[in-house]
Amino acid sequence: MSREADQETITIRLNGDERQVPAGLTLRGLLAHLDLHERLVVVERNKEIVRRGDYGEVAVRPGDIIELVHFVGGG
């Protein structure tokens, strides 16, 4: 059995879809888990924008509703 299969997960709603993620993550950890650079997204957690400086302090909890808005460059 893989180590990942042994890891406890929680269910959150991410950009409208239910998703299983590892338990114990902060928002910074969630972004790393999703391979997203924190400077390229804005995070809304339970209908409140989270300050980028707080990503490492805000825990992801079961049932959280998280919206990620990606910055896209272009002309």
Protein backbone atom coordinates (compact mmCIF):
# COMPACT_ATOMS: atom_id res chain seq x y z
CA MET A 1 0.00 0.00 0.00
CA SER A 2 1.40 3.42 -0.88
CA ARG A 3 2.23 6.02 1.72
CA GLU A 4 -0.26 8.42 0.11
CA ALA A 5 -3.07 5.88 0.56
CA ASP A 6 -2.25 5.77 4.30
CA GLN A 7 -2.42 9.54 4.66
CA GLU A 8 -5.57 11.00 6.18
CA THR A 9 -7.56 13.24 3.86
CA ILE A 10 -10.32 15.80 4.26
CA THR A 11 -13.00 16.95 1.85
CA ILE A 12 -13.15 20.57 0.74
CA ARG A 13 -14.93 22.35 -2.09
CA LEU A 14 -12.31 23.79 -4.44
CA ASN A 15 -13.50 26.09 -7.23
CA GLY A 16 -16.93 24.49 -7.05
CA ASP A 17 -15.82 20.84 -7.00
CA GLU A 18 -15.56 18.49 -4.04
CA ARG A 19 -11.97 17.42 -3.58
CA GLN A 20 -9.98 15.23 -1.21
CA VAL A 21 -6.77 16.83 0.07
CA PRO A 22 -4.29 15.78 2.75
CA ALA A 23 -5.34 16.68 6.29
CA GLY A 24 -3.27 19.25 8.17
CA LEU A 25 -2.51 21.62 5.28
CA THR A 26 -2.34 25.38 5.49
CA LEU A 27 -3.39 27.42 2.47
CA ARG A 28 0.31 27.63 1.52
CA GLY A 29 0.54 23.85 1.77
CA LEU A 30 -2.62 23.45 -0.32
CA LEU A 31 -1.18 25.64 -3.07
CA ALA A 32 2.05 23.61 -3.01
CA HIS A 33 0.01 20.38 -3.13
CA LEU A 34 -1.75 21.74 -6.22
CA ASP A 35 1.59 22.87 -7.77
CA LEU A 36 0.46 26.52 -7.76
CA HIS A 37 2.73 29.46 -7.00
CA GLU A 38 1.16 31.57 -4.26
CA ARG A 39 2.08 34.83 -5.96
CA LEU A 40 -0.02 33.90 -8.98
CA VAL A 41 -3.33 33.26 -7.22
CA VAL A 42 -5.77 34.99 -4.92
CA VAL A 43 -7.37 32.71 -2.33
CA GLU A 44 -10.91 33.11 -1.07
CA ARG A 45 -11.76 30.85 1.88
CA ASN A 46 -15.37 30.63 3.00
CA LYS A 47 -16.26 33.81 1.10
CA GLU A 48 -13.40 35.87 2.57
CA ILE A 49 -10.26 36.91 0.69
CA VAL A 50 -7.17 35.74 2.57
CA ARG A 51 -4.12 37.99 2.67
CA ARG A 52 -1.16 36.37 0.95
CA GLY A 53 0.96 36.88 4.06
CA ASP A 54 -1.47 34.71 6.02
CA TYR A 55 -1.41 31.67 3.69
CA GLY A 56 1.07 29.86 5.93
CA GLU A 57 -1.05 30.43 9.04
CA VAL A 58 -4.57 29.63 7.81
CA ALA A 59 -5.46 25.96 8.23
CA VAL A 60 -7.53 24.16 5.61
CA ARG A 61 -10.46 22.52 7.42
CA PRO A 62 -12.99 19.89 6.35
CA GLY A 63 -15.88 21.51 4.53
CA ASP A 64 -13.98 24.70 3.63
CA ILE A 65 -15.10 26.37 0.43
CA ILE A 66 -12.00 27.62 -1.36
CA GLU A 67 -11.91 29.60 -4.58
CA LEU A 68 -8.61 30.17 -6.37
CA VAL A 69 -8.38 33.01 -8.85
CA HIS A 70 -5.38 32.71 -11.19
CA PHE A 71 -3.59 35.70 -12.66
CA VAL A 72 -3.09 35.35 -16.39
CA GLY A 73 -0.79 37.58 -18.40
CA GLY A 74 -1.39 38.61 -21.94
CA GLY A 75 -2.19 41.45 -24.19
